[in-house]
Amino acid sequence: MPDGVKAFVKDGVAWRVGTRRDVAWINESTVTGLAITSAIPPVFADYATLAHPAQADSSGDISEQGKQDRALLALLQQHTPEQSWWLGYLQTGARRGVFEDAPMVKLYAGWQYVLLQAGPESAAAWRRVGQGSDWKRTQLPDLMFPEDRSWLVSMLWDDDWICIGGPTALIAAMLADRDLARRARRVAIDENATPPGHTAR
């Protein structure tokens, strides 16, 4: 870890902690509203939303959500040269936090996030589903982007869908993926990004 870079030690590993400078490009270009730009800066070639599957049934079956999470991570990896990713976890008090003692950054409407530099393997493992009041049932971080900022995935506080901005090839691949296509929808930068049948809170 270079001198002057903040780190958070967990399980014997020092993870680099993001600062407000690392998310300034998001904060400076997102605006409150119903358009995709409430979550994603208008700097990408293409945009989409990906709705979460229906809530787990009474037996606690969350396999459909897990399948979608794995498919999205695999797709992002396929479209990203090898590099580190930034993973952000929104600290609401309602969900079980990830690295709750780590320093935080503010995003969007002043919401607190833990932002750590890691990679797709950590994105698939750090959040455990089904603990506490984890109503979204996804194991994915609330925010993800690679070091080169070629795409951004963001799940806002009360939404039950993910917003995505990135290259046209990435969005096209998501819309064609057998595990993602039925819940994915391309959106224009100025249209209401709320998926059909969902409610923006």
N, C-alpha and C. Protein backbone atom coordinates (compact mmCIF):
# COMPACT_ATOMS: atom_id res chain seq x y z
N MET A 1 0.85 -1.19 0.00
CA MET A 1 0.00 0.00 0.00
C MET A 1 0.89 1.25 0.00
N PRO A 2 0.77 2.14 -1.00
CA PRO A 2 1.60 3.33 -1.06
C PRO A 2 1.41 4.22 0.16
N ASP A 3 2.46 4.97 0.51
CA ASP A 3 2.37 5.89 1.63
C ASP A 3 1.26 6.91 1.39
N GLY A 4 0.52 7.23 2.45
CA GLY A 4 -0.53 8.22 2.36
C GLY A 4 -1.87 7.68 1.89
N VAL A 5 -1.92 6.43 1.47
CA VAL A 5 -3.17 5.82 1.02
C VAL A 5 -3.85 5.14 2.21
N LYS A 6 -5.11 5.43 2.41
CA LYS A 6 -5.84 4.85 3.53
C LYS A 6 -6.12 3.37 3.28
N ALA A 7 -6.01 2.59 4.34
CA ALA A 7 -6.29 1.16 4.22
C ALA A 7 -7.12 0.72 5.40
N PHE A 8 -7.89 -0.33 5.19
CA PHE A 8 -8.68 -0.94 6.25
C PHE A 8 -8.31 -2.41 6.31
N VAL A 9 -7.88 -2.85 7.48
CA VAL A 9 -7.41 -4.23 7.63
C VAL A 9 -8.56 -5.12 8.07
N LYS A 10 -8.77 -6.19 7.33
CA LYS A 10 -9.83 -7.16 7.63
C LYS A 10 -9.29 -8.54 7.32
N ASP A 11 -9.40 -9.45 8.28
CA ASP A 11 -8.92 -10.82 8.09
C ASP A 11 -7.46 -10.86 7.65
N GLY A 12 -6.67 -9.93 8.15
CA GLY A 12 -5.24 -9.93 7.86
C GLY A 12 -4.87 -9.31 6.53
N VAL A 13 -5.85 -8.76 5.80
CA VAL A 13 -5.58 -8.14 4.50
C VAL A 13 -5.87 -6.65 4.60
N ALA A 14 -4.96 -5.83 4.03
CA ALA A 14 -5.15 -4.39 4.01
C ALA A 14 -5.83 -3.99 2.70
N TRP A 15 -7.08 -3.53 2.80
CA TRP A 15 -7.84 -3.12 1.62
C TRP A 15 -7.77 -1.60 1.48
N ARG A 16 -7.52 -1.13 0.28
CA ARG A 16 -7.47 0.31 0.06
C ARG A 16 -8.86 0.90 0.19
N VAL A 17 -8.97 2.01 0.93
CA VAL A 17 -10.25 2.67 1.18
C VAL A 17 -10.40 3.85 0.24
N GLY A 18 -11.56 3.95 -0.39
CA GLY A 18 -11.84 5.07 -1.28
C GLY A 18 -12.08 6.36 -0.53
N THR A 19 -11.80 7.46 -1.18
CA THR A 19 -12.00 8.79 -0.60
C THR A 19 -13.00 9.56 -1.48
N ARG A 20 -13.35 10.75 -1.04
CA ARG A 20 -14.31 11.54 -1.83
C ARG A 20 -13.77 11.87 -3.21
N ARG A 21 -12.45 11.89 -3.36
CA ARG A 21 -11.87 12.14 -4.67
C ARG A 21 -12.17 10.99 -5.63
N ASP A 22 -12.25 9.77 -5.11
CA ASP A 22 -12.53 8.60 -5.96
C ASP A 22 -13.96 8.56 -6.45
N VAL A 23 -14.86 9.27 -5.78
CA VAL A 23 -16.28 9.28 -6.21
C VAL A 23 -16.74 10.65 -6.67
N ALA A 24 -15.81 11.60 -6.75
CA ALA A 24 -16.19 12.96 -7.16
C ALA A 24 -16.81 12.96 -8.55
N TRP A 25 -16.33 12.09 -9.43
CA TRP A 25 -16.87 12.05 -10.80
C TRP A 25 -18.34 11.62 -10.83
N ILE A 26 -18.76 10.88 -9.80
CA ILE A 26 -20.17 10.49 -9.68
C ILE A 26 -20.98 11.63 -9.06
N ASN A 27 -20.49 12.16 -7.96
CA ASN A 27 -21.22 13.21 -7.25
C ASN A 27 -21.40 14.48 -8.09
N GLU A 28 -20.42 14.78 -8.91
CA GLU A 28 -20.46 16.02 -9.68
C GLU A 28 -21.45 15.98 -10.84
N SER A 29 -21.88 14.77 -11.24
CA SER A 29 -22.68 14.66 -12.47
C SER A 29 -24.01 13.94 -12.30
N THR A 30 -24.39 13.56 -11.09
CA THR A 30 -25.69 12.93 -10.88
C THR A 30 -26.64 13.93 -10.22
N VAL A 31 -27.92 13.81 -10.57
CA VAL A 31 -28.93 14.73 -10.06
C VAL A 31 -30.14 13.94 -9.57
N THR A 32 -30.78 14.42 -8.55
CA THR A 32 -31.96 13.76 -8.01
C THR A 32 -33.09 13.77 -9.05
N GLY A 33 -33.75 12.63 -9.21
CA GLY A 33 -34.85 12.55 -10.16
C GLY A 33 -35.12 11.12 -10.55
N LEU A 34 -35.89 10.92 -11.63
CA LEU A 34 -36.28 9.59 -12.07
C LEU A 34 -35.46 9.10 -13.26
N ALA A 35 -34.63 9.95 -13.83
CA ALA A 35 -33.80 9.54 -14.96
C ALA A 35 -32.62 8.70 -14.47
N ILE A 36 -31.97 8.02 -15.39
CA ILE A 36 -30.83 7.17 -15.05
C ILE A 36 -29.71 7.99 -14.43
N THR A 37 -29.69 9.29 -14.71
CA THR A 37 -28.65 10.17 -14.17
C THR A 37 -28.81 10.45 -12.68
N SER A 38 -29.85 9.90 -12.06
CA SER A 38 -29.93 9.96 -10.59
C SER A 38 -28.91 9.03 -9.96
N ALA A 39 -28.45 8.03 -10.73
CA ALA A 39 -27.49 7.06 -10.23
C ALA A 39 -26.20 7.00 -11.04
N ILE A 40 -26.30 7.32 -12.34
CA ILE A 40 -25.18 7.15 -13.26
C ILE A 40 -24.85 8.47 -13.95
N PRO A 41 -23.61 8.92 -13.89
CA PRO A 41 -23.26 10.17 -14.60
C PRO A 41 -23.46 10.04 -16.10
N PRO A 42 -23.78 11.13 -16.78
CA PRO A 42 -24.03 11.09 -18.23
C PRO A 42 -22.72 11.11 -19.03
N VAL A 43 -21.88 10.11 -18.79
CA VAL A 43 -20.57 10.06 -19.45
C VAL A 43 -20.38 8.78 -20.26
N PHE A 44 -21.42 7.93 -20.30
CA PHE A 44 -21.28 6.63 -20.96
C PHE A 44 -22.02 6.61 -22.29
N ALA A 45 -21.70 5.60 -23.09
CA ALA A 45 -22.32 5.46 -24.41
C ALA A 45 -23.72 4.86 -24.33
N ASP A 46 -24.00 4.09 -23.28
CA ASP A 46 -25.28 3.38 -23.21
C ASP A 46 -25.67 3.16 -21.75
N TYR A 47 -26.98 2.94 -21.52
CA TYR A 47 -27.51 2.83 -20.16
C TYR A 47 -28.61 1.77 -20.11
N ALA A 48 -28.78 1.17 -18.94
CA ALA A 48 -29.83 0.16 -18.77
C ALA A 48 -30.17 0.02 -17.29
N THR A 49 -31.30 -0.61 -17.04
CA THR A 49 -31.65 -1.03 -15.69
C THR A 49 -31.78 -2.55 -15.68
N LEU A 50 -31.57 -3.12 -14.51
CA LEU A 50 -31.72 -4.57 -14.32
C LEU A 50 -32.52 -4.78 -13.04
N ALA A 51 -33.76 -5.23 -13.18
CA ALA A 51 -34.63 -5.43 -12.02
C ALA A 51 -34.23 -6.69 -11.26
N HIS A 52 -34.42 -6.67 -9.95
CA HIS A 52 -34.20 -7.87 -9.16
C HIS A 52 -35.34 -8.85 -9.39
N PRO A 53 -35.08 -10.14 -9.26
CA PRO A 53 -36.17 -11.13 -9.32
C PRO A 53 -37.16 -10.88 -8.19
N ALA A 54 -38.32 -11.50 -8.29
CA ALA A 54 -39.32 -11.39 -7.22
C ALA A 54 -38.71 -11.82 -5.90
N GLN A 55 -39.27 -11.33 -4.82
CA GLN A 55 -38.75 -11.64 -3.50
C GLN A 55 -38.70 -13.15 -3.25
N ALA A 56 -37.80 -13.55 -2.39
CA ALA A 56 -37.68 -14.97 -2.06
C ALA A 56 -38.99 -15.51 -1.51
N ASP A 57 -39.27 -16.77 -1.78
CA ASP A 57 -40.51 -17.36 -1.28
C ASP A 57 -40.40 -17.66 0.21
N SER A 58 -41.47 -18.22 0.79
CA SER A 58 -41.52 -18.42 2.24
C SER A 58 -40.47 -19.39 2.75
N SER A 59 -39.91 -20.19 1.86
CA SER A 59 -38.86 -21.14 2.28
C SER A 59 -37.50 -20.47 2.33
N GLY A 60 -37.44 -19.20 1.86
CA GLY A 60 -36.17 -18.49 1.85
C GLY A 60 -35.35 -18.75 0.61
N ASP A 61 -35.97 -19.31 -0.43
CA ASP A 61 -35.25 -19.61 -1.66
C ASP A 61 -34.84 -18.32 -2.36
N ILE A 62 -33.54 -18.12 -2.51
CA ILE A 62 -33.03 -16.93 -3.18
C ILE A 62 -32.17 -17.31 -4.37
N SER A 63 -32.39 -18.51 -4.90
CA SER A 63 -31.53 -19.02 -5.96
C SER A 63 -31.61 -18.18 -7.23
N GLU A 64 -32.79 -17.62 -7.54
CA GLU A 64 -32.94 -16.83 -8.76
C GLU A 64 -32.13 -15.55 -8.68
N GLN A 65 -32.14 -14.92 -7.53
CA GLN A 65 -31.33 -13.71 -7.34
C GLN A 65 -29.84 -14.05 -7.42
N GLY A 66 -29.45 -15.13 -6.81
CA GLY A 66 -28.05 -15.54 -6.87
C GLY A 66 -27.60 -15.83 -8.29
N LYS A 67 -28.46 -16.46 -9.05
CA LYS A 67 -28.16 -16.75 -10.45
C LYS A 67 -27.96 -15.46 -11.24
N GLN A 68 -28.83 -14.49 -10.99
CA GLN A 68 -28.70 -13.21 -11.69
C GLN A 68 -27.43 -12.48 -11.26
N ASP A 69 -27.13 -12.48 -9.98
CA ASP A 69 -25.90 -11.84 -9.49
C ASP A 69 -24.67 -12.43 -10.17
N ARG A 70 -24.61 -13.75 -10.24
CA ARG A 70 -23.45 -14.40 -10.85
C ARG A 70 -23.35 -14.09 -12.34
N ALA A 71 -24.50 -14.03 -13.01
CA ALA A 71 -24.49 -13.74 -14.44
C ALA A 71 -24.01 -12.31 -14.70
N LEU A 72 -24.44 -11.36 -13.88
CA LEU A 72 -24.01 -9.98 -14.06
C LEU A 72 -22.53 -9.83 -13.81
N LEU A 73 -22.03 -10.44 -12.74
CA LEU A 73 -20.60 -10.36 -12.46
C LEU A 73 -19.78 -10.98 -13.60
N ALA A 74 -20.22 -12.10 -14.11
CA ALA A 74 -19.50 -12.75 -15.20
C ALA A 74 -19.47 -11.86 -16.43
N LEU A 75 -20.59 -11.22 -16.73
CA LEU A 75 -20.67 -10.33 -17.89
C LEU A 75 -19.73 -9.13 -17.72
N LEU A 76 -19.72 -8.54 -16.55
CA LEU A 76 -18.84 -7.40 -16.29
C LEU A 76 -17.37 -7.80 -16.43
N GLN A 77 -17.02 -8.97 -15.94
CA GLN A 77 -15.65 -9.45 -16.07
C GLN A 77 -15.26 -9.64 -17.53
N GLN A 78 -16.18 -10.17 -18.32
CA GLN A 78 -15.90 -10.40 -19.75
C GLN A 78 -15.62 -9.11 -20.50
N HIS A 79 -16.19 -8.02 -20.02
CA HIS A 79 -16.06 -6.74 -20.71
C HIS A 79 -15.09 -5.78 -20.01
N THR A 80 -14.25 -6.31 -19.13
CA THR A 80 -13.33 -5.47 -18.38
C THR A 80 -11.92 -6.05 -18.42
N PRO A 81 -10.94 -5.32 -18.94
CA PRO A 81 -9.55 -5.78 -18.86
C PRO A 81 -9.16 -5.98 -17.39
N GLU A 82 -8.19 -6.81 -17.13
CA GLU A 82 -7.80 -7.11 -15.75
C GLU A 82 -7.34 -5.85 -15.03
N GLN A 83 -7.98 -5.57 -13.93
CA GLN A 83 -7.68 -4.39 -13.12
C GLN A 83 -8.48 -4.49 -11.83
N SER A 84 -8.21 -3.60 -10.89
CA SER A 84 -8.98 -3.61 -9.64
C SER A 84 -10.33 -2.92 -9.85
N TRP A 85 -11.27 -3.27 -8.99
CA TRP A 85 -12.60 -2.66 -9.00
C TRP A 85 -12.81 -1.91 -7.68
N TRP A 86 -13.62 -0.88 -7.73
CA TRP A 86 -14.09 -0.23 -6.51
C TRP A 86 -15.46 -0.82 -6.16
N LEU A 87 -15.61 -1.23 -4.90
CA LEU A 87 -16.86 -1.80 -4.41
C LEU A 87 -17.41 -0.91 -3.30
N GLY A 88 -18.65 -0.47 -3.45
CA GLY A 88 -19.25 0.41 -2.46
C GLY A 88 -20.45 -0.23 -1.79
N TYR A 89 -20.52 -0.08 -0.47
CA TYR A 89 -21.59 -0.66 0.32
C TYR A 89 -22.30 0.44 1.09
N LEU A 90 -23.56 0.66 0.76
CA LEU A 90 -24.36 1.70 1.40
C LEU A 90 -24.66 1.30 2.84
N GLN A 91 -24.41 2.22 3.75
CA GLN A 91 -24.64 1.96 5.17
C GLN A 91 -25.94 2.65 5.60
N THR A 92 -27.02 1.88 5.66
CA THR A 92 -28.33 2.45 5.98
C THR A 92 -28.79 2.16 7.40
N GLY A 93 -28.19 1.17 8.02
CA GLY A 93 -28.67 0.72 9.32
C GLY A 93 -29.73 -0.36 9.18
N ALA A 94 -30.34 -0.48 7.97
CA ALA A 94 -31.37 -1.48 7.74
C ALA A 94 -30.79 -2.79 7.22
N ARG A 95 -29.70 -2.70 6.47
CA ARG A 95 -29.05 -3.89 5.95
C ARG A 95 -27.81 -4.19 6.79
N ARG A 96 -27.42 -5.44 6.79
CA ARG A 96 -26.19 -5.82 7.45
C ARG A 96 -25.03 -5.16 6.71
N GLY A 97 -24.22 -4.39 7.43
CA GLY A 97 -23.13 -3.67 6.79
C GLY A 97 -21.96 -4.56 6.43
N VAL A 98 -21.14 -4.08 5.53
CA VAL A 98 -19.89 -4.74 5.15
C VAL A 98 -18.75 -3.83 5.57
N PHE A 99 -17.88 -4.33 6.44
CA PHE A 99 -16.77 -3.51 6.94
C PHE A 99 -17.31 -2.23 7.59
N GLU A 100 -18.22 -2.40 8.53
CA GLU A 100 -18.92 -1.26 9.12
C GLU A 100 -17.99 -0.27 9.80
N ASP A 101 -16.80 -0.70 10.23
CA ASP A 101 -15.88 0.19 10.93
C ASP A 101 -14.94 0.94 9.99
N ALA A 102 -15.05 0.70 8.69
CA ALA A 102 -14.16 1.37 7.74
C ALA A 102 -14.59 2.82 7.53
N PRO A 103 -13.66 3.69 7.16
CA PRO A 103 -14.03 5.07 6.82
C PRO A 103 -15.03 5.08 5.67
N MET A 104 -15.87 6.11 5.61
CA MET A 104 -16.93 6.16 4.60
C MET A 104 -16.83 7.41 3.74
N VAL A 105 -17.47 7.35 2.58
CA VAL A 105 -17.60 8.51 1.70
C VAL A 105 -19.08 8.80 1.51
N LYS A 106 -19.39 10.03 1.12
CA LYS A 106 -20.78 10.42 0.88
C LYS A 106 -21.06 10.44 -0.62
N LEU A 107 -22.21 9.89 -0.99
CA LEU A 107 -22.62 9.84 -2.39
C LEU A 107 -24.09 10.23 -2.51
N TYR A 108 -24.46 10.73 -3.68
CA TYR A 108 -25.84 11.05 -4.00
C TYR A 108 -26.42 12.05 -2.99
N ALA A 109 -27.44 11.66 -2.24
CA ALA A 109 -28.10 12.59 -1.31
C ALA A 109 -27.42 12.58 0.06
N GLY A 110 -26.10 12.51 0.07
CA GLY A 110 -25.36 12.49 1.32
C GLY A 110 -25.33 11.14 2.00
N TRP A 111 -25.66 10.07 1.26
CA TRP A 111 -25.66 8.73 1.83
C TRP A 111 -24.23 8.25 2.08
N GLN A 112 -24.06 7.48 3.14
CA GLN A 112 -22.74 7.00 3.55
C GLN A 112 -22.45 5.63 2.92
N TYR A 113 -21.30 5.52 2.29
CA TYR A 113 -20.85 4.27 1.69
C TYR A 113 -19.47 3.91 2.21
N VAL A 114 -19.24 2.64 2.43
CA VAL A 114 -17.88 2.12 2.57
C VAL A 114 -17.42 1.77 1.16
N LEU A 115 -16.30 2.32 0.74
CA LEU A 115 -15.77 2.11 -0.61
C LEU A 115 -14.38 1.49 -0.51
N LEU A 116 -14.25 0.28 -1.05
CA LEU A 116 -12.99 -0.45 -0.95
C LEU A 116 -12.54 -0.92 -2.32
N GLN A 117 -11.23 -0.93 -2.53
CA GLN A 117 -10.67 -1.39 -3.80
C GLN A 117 -10.37 -2.87 -3.71
N ALA A 118 -11.00 -3.64 -4.58
CA ALA A 118 -10.82 -5.09 -4.55
C ALA A 118 -11.01 -5.63 -5.96
N GLY A 119 -12.00 -6.52 -6.15
CA GLY A 119 -12.23 -7.10 -7.46
C GLY A 119 -13.49 -7.92 -7.48
N PRO A 120 -13.78 -8.57 -8.60
CA PRO A 120 -15.03 -9.32 -8.74
C PRO A 120 -15.16 -10.47 -7.75
N GLU A 121 -14.06 -11.08 -7.35
CA GLU A 121 -14.15 -12.17 -6.38
C GLU A 121 -14.70 -11.66 -5.05
N SER A 122 -14.25 -10.49 -4.64
CA SER A 122 -14.75 -9.89 -3.40
C SER A 122 -16.20 -9.45 -3.56
N ALA A 123 -16.55 -8.94 -4.74
CA ALA A 123 -17.93 -8.52 -4.99
C ALA A 123 -18.90 -9.67 -4.82
N ALA A 124 -18.42 -10.88 -5.10
CA ALA A 124 -19.28 -12.07 -5.00
C ALA A 124 -19.30 -12.67 -3.61
N ALA A 125 -18.45 -12.18 -2.71
CA ALA A 125 -18.28 -12.88 -1.43
C ALA A 125 -18.49 -12.04 -0.19
N TRP A 126 -18.30 -10.74 -0.28
CA TRP A 126 -18.27 -9.95 0.94
C TRP A 126 -19.63 -9.78 1.62
N ARG A 127 -20.69 -9.70 0.86
CA ARG A 127 -22.01 -9.54 1.48
C ARG A 127 -22.69 -10.89 1.57
N ARG A 128 -23.14 -11.25 2.75
CA ARG A 128 -23.87 -12.49 2.96
C ARG A 128 -25.35 -12.22 2.93
N VAL A 129 -26.05 -12.96 2.10
CA VAL A 129 -27.48 -12.73 1.90
C VAL A 129 -28.29 -13.45 2.97
N GLY A 130 -29.42 -12.83 3.34
CA GLY A 130 -30.36 -13.49 4.25
C GLY A 130 -30.11 -13.23 5.71
N GLN A 131 -29.23 -12.25 6.02
CA GLN A 131 -28.96 -11.93 7.41
C GLN A 131 -29.59 -10.58 7.74
N GLY A 132 -30.16 -10.47 8.90
CA GLY A 132 -30.80 -9.23 9.30
C GLY A 132 -31.99 -8.92 8.41
N SER A 133 -32.25 -7.62 8.19
CA SER A 133 -33.37 -7.22 7.34
C SER A 133 -32.86 -6.92 5.94
N ASP A 134 -32.26 -7.92 5.32
CA ASP A 134 -31.62 -7.79 4.02
C ASP A 134 -32.66 -8.02 2.93
N TRP A 135 -33.61 -7.08 2.76
CA TRP A 135 -34.78 -7.33 1.93
C TRP A 135 -34.47 -7.42 0.45
N LYS A 136 -33.36 -6.86 0.01
CA LYS A 136 -33.08 -6.90 -1.42
C LYS A 136 -32.57 -8.26 -1.88
N ARG A 137 -32.00 -9.02 -0.98
CA ARG A 137 -31.60 -10.40 -1.26
C ARG A 137 -30.47 -10.53 -2.27
N THR A 138 -29.80 -9.46 -2.62
CA THR A 138 -28.67 -9.55 -3.52
C THR A 138 -27.37 -9.51 -2.73
N GLN A 139 -26.40 -10.27 -3.17
CA GLN A 139 -25.11 -10.27 -2.50
C GLN A 139 -24.18 -9.21 -3.08
N LEU A 140 -24.57 -8.59 -4.17
CA LEU A 140 -23.70 -7.64 -4.85
C LEU A 140 -23.55 -6.34 -4.06
N PRO A 141 -22.43 -5.65 -4.25
CA PRO A 141 -22.29 -4.32 -3.66
C PRO A 141 -23.35 -3.37 -4.21
N ASP A 142 -23.57 -2.26 -3.51
CA ASP A 142 -24.52 -1.26 -3.97
C ASP A 142 -23.92 -0.38 -5.06
N LEU A 143 -22.59 -0.42 -5.19
CA LEU A 143 -21.89 0.39 -6.17
C LEU A 143 -20.67 -0.40 -6.64
N MET A 144 -20.44 -0.42 -7.96
CA MET A 144 -19.25 -1.08 -8.50
C MET A 144 -18.78 -0.32 -9.73
N PHE A 145 -17.47 -0.12 -9.83
CA PHE A 145 -16.89 0.38 -11.08
C PHE A 145 -15.41 0.00 -11.11
N PRO A 146 -14.88 -0.26 -12.32
CA PRO A 146 -13.47 -0.62 -12.43
C PRO A 146 -12.60 0.62 -12.31
N GLU A 147 -11.32 0.40 -12.12
CA GLU A 147 -10.40 1.53 -11.92
C GLU A 147 -10.42 2.48 -13.12
N ASP A 148 -10.63 1.95 -14.33
CA ASP A 148 -10.63 2.82 -15.51
C ASP A 148 -11.98 3.51 -15.74
N ARG A 149 -12.96 3.25 -14.89
CA ARG A 149 -14.28 3.90 -14.94
C ARG A 149 -15.00 3.65 -16.27
N SER A 150 -14.78 2.50 -16.87
CA SER A 150 -15.40 2.21 -18.16
C SER A 150 -16.87 1.83 -18.03
N TRP A 151 -17.32 1.50 -16.83
CA TRP A 151 -18.73 1.25 -16.56
C TRP A 151 -19.01 1.55 -15.09
N LEU A 152 -20.28 1.68 -14.77
CA LEU A 152 -20.70 1.91 -13.38
C LEU A 152 -22.00 1.17 -13.14
N VAL A 153 -22.06 0.44 -12.05
CA VAL A 153 -23.27 -0.25 -11.60
C VAL A 153 -23.66 0.36 -10.27
N SER A 154 -24.90 0.79 -10.13
CA SER A 154 -25.33 1.44 -8.89
C SER A 154 -26.75 1.03 -8.54
N MET A 155 -26.96 0.69 -7.27
CA MET A 155 -28.28 0.33 -6.75
C MET A 155 -28.62 1.33 -5.65
N LEU A 156 -29.56 2.21 -5.91
CA LEU A 156 -29.89 3.26 -4.95
C LEU A 156 -30.67 2.70 -3.76
N TRP A 157 -30.77 3.49 -2.74
CA TRP A 157 -31.22 3.07 -1.41
C TRP A 157 -32.47 2.21 -1.43
N ASP A 158 -33.59 2.73 -1.92
CA ASP A 158 -34.87 2.03 -1.84
C ASP A 158 -35.26 1.29 -3.12
N ASP A 159 -34.43 1.33 -4.13
CA ASP A 159 -34.79 0.73 -5.42
C ASP A 159 -34.58 -0.78 -5.40
N ASP A 160 -35.44 -1.49 -6.12
CA ASP A 160 -35.25 -2.94 -6.27
C ASP A 160 -34.80 -3.25 -7.69
N TRP A 161 -33.96 -2.39 -8.21
CA TRP A 161 -33.31 -2.60 -9.50
C TRP A 161 -31.94 -1.93 -9.47
N ILE A 162 -31.12 -2.30 -10.45
CA ILE A 162 -29.77 -1.79 -10.60
C ILE A 162 -29.72 -0.88 -11.82
N CYS A 163 -28.99 0.22 -11.73
CA CYS A 163 -28.75 1.10 -12.86
C CYS A 163 -27.33 0.85 -13.38
N ILE A 164 -27.18 0.85 -14.69
CA ILE A 164 -25.89 0.52 -15.30
C ILE A 164 -25.60 1.50 -16.43
N GLY A 165 -24.37 1.99 -16.47
CA GLY A 165 -23.89 2.78 -17.59
C GLY A 165 -22.58 2.19 -18.07
N GLY A 166 -22.37 2.19 -19.37
CA GLY A 166 -21.13 1.62 -19.89
C GLY A 166 -21.08 1.64 -21.40
N PRO A 167 -20.16 0.89 -21.99
CA PRO A 167 -20.06 0.81 -23.45
C PRO A 167 -21.31 0.14 -24.04
N THR A 168 -21.61 0.48 -25.28
CA THR A 168 -22.75 -0.11 -25.96
C THR A 168 -22.64 -1.63 -26.02
N ALA A 169 -21.43 -2.15 -26.21
CA ALA A 169 -21.23 -3.60 -26.29
C ALA A 169 -21.62 -4.30 -24.98
N LEU A 170 -21.33 -3.67 -23.86
CA LEU A 170 -21.70 -4.24 -22.56
C LEU A 170 -23.22 -4.30 -22.40
N ILE A 171 -23.89 -3.20 -22.69
CA ILE A 171 -25.34 -3.16 -22.53
C ILE A 171 -26.00 -4.13 -23.51
N ALA A 172 -25.51 -4.19 -24.74
CA ALA A 172 -26.07 -5.11 -25.72
C ALA A 172 -25.91 -6.55 -25.27
N ALA A 173 -24.77 -6.88 -24.69
CA ALA A 173 -24.53 -8.24 -24.20
C ALA A 173 -25.46 -8.58 -23.04
N MET A 174 -25.73 -7.61 -22.18
CA MET A 174 -26.64 -7.84 -21.07
C MET A 174 -28.06 -8.10 -21.58
N LEU A 175 -28.48 -7.34 -22.59
CA LEU A 175 -29.82 -7.51 -23.14
C LEU A 175 -29.97 -8.82 -23.91
N ALA A 176 -28.86 -9.45 -24.25
CA ALA A 176 -28.90 -10.72 -24.97
C ALA A 176 -28.60 -11.92 -24.07
N ASP A 177 -28.21 -11.66 -22.84
CA ASP A 177 -27.83 -12.75 -21.93
C ASP A 177 -29.06 -13.52 -21.45
N ARG A 178 -29.00 -14.83 -21.48
CA ARG A 178 -30.18 -15.63 -21.15
C ARG A 178 -30.62 -15.49 -19.70
N ASP A 179 -29.70 -15.15 -18.81
CA ASP A 179 -30.05 -15.01 -17.39
C ASP A 179 -30.38 -13.57 -17.00
N LEU A 180 -30.14 -12.62 -17.90
CA LEU A 180 -30.34 -11.22 -17.56
C LEU A 180 -31.39 -10.52 -18.42
N ALA A 181 -31.58 -10.99 -19.64
CA ALA A 181 -32.36 -10.24 -20.63
C ALA A 181 -33.80 -9.96 -20.20
N ARG A 182 -34.47 -10.89 -19.53
CA ARG A 182 -35.88 -10.68 -19.24
C ARG A 182 -36.14 -9.61 -18.19
N ARG A 183 -35.11 -9.25 -17.42
CA ARG A 183 -35.28 -8.20 -16.41
C ARG A 183 -34.47 -6.95 -16.76
N ALA A 184 -33.77 -6.99 -17.90
CA ALA A 184 -32.95 -5.85 -18.31
C ALA A 184 -33.71 -4.98 -19.30
N ARG A 185 -33.44 -3.69 -19.26
CA ARG A 185 -34.11 -2.76 -20.16
C ARG A 185 -33.18 -1.60 -20.47
N ARG A 186 -32.94 -1.38 -21.76
CA ARG A 186 -32.14 -0.20 -22.15
C ARG A 186 -32.96 1.05 -21.89
N VAL A 187 -32.31 2.10 -21.39
CA VAL A 187 -33.01 3.37 -21.15
C VAL A 187 -32.22 4.52 -21.76
N ALA A 188 -32.96 5.50 -22.27
CA ALA A 188 -32.34 6.73 -22.75
C ALA A 188 -31.98 7.60 -21.56
N ILE A 189 -31.04 8.46 -21.77
CA ILE A 189 -30.49 9.24 -20.66
C ILE A 189 -31.52 10.19 -20.04
N ASP A 190 -32.56 10.57 -20.80
CA ASP A 190 -33.52 11.54 -20.30
C ASP A 190 -34.89 10.96 -19.98
N GLU A 191 -35.04 9.62 -20.06
CA GLU A 191 -36.34 9.04 -19.77
C GLU A 191 -36.43 8.51 -18.34
N ASN A 192 -37.65 8.29 -17.87
CA ASN A 192 -37.86 7.70 -16.56
C ASN A 192 -37.25 6.30 -16.56
N ALA A 193 -36.29 6.07 -15.68
CA ALA A 193 -35.57 4.79 -15.66
C ALA A 193 -36.27 3.72 -14.83
N THR A 194 -37.39 4.04 -14.19
CA THR A 194 -38.09 3.07 -13.36
C THR A 194 -38.59 1.91 -14.20
N PRO A 195 -38.19 0.67 -13.91
CA PRO A 195 -38.66 -0.47 -14.72
C PRO A 195 -40.18 -0.62 -14.62
N PRO A 196 -40.83 -1.10 -15.68
CA PRO A 196 -42.28 -1.33 -15.63
C PRO A 196 -42.66 -2.24 -14.47
N GLY A 197 -43.71 -1.86 -13.75
CA GLY A 197 -44.17 -2.65 -12.62
C GLY A 197 -43.46 -2.35 -11.32
N HIS A 198 -42.51 -1.42 -11.33
CA HIS A 198 -41.77 -1.05 -10.14
C HIS A 198 -42.13 0.38 -9.75
N THR A 199 -41.81 0.75 -8.53
CA THR A 199 -42.12 2.08 -8.03
C THR A 199 -40.88 2.76 -7.51
N ALA A 200 -40.62 3.95 -7.99
CA ALA A 200 -39.50 4.74 -7.48
C ALA A 200 -39.92 5.38 -6.17
N ARG A 201 -39.08 5.22 -5.16
CA ARG A 201 -39.43 5.77 -3.84
C ARG A 201 -38.69 7.07 -3.56
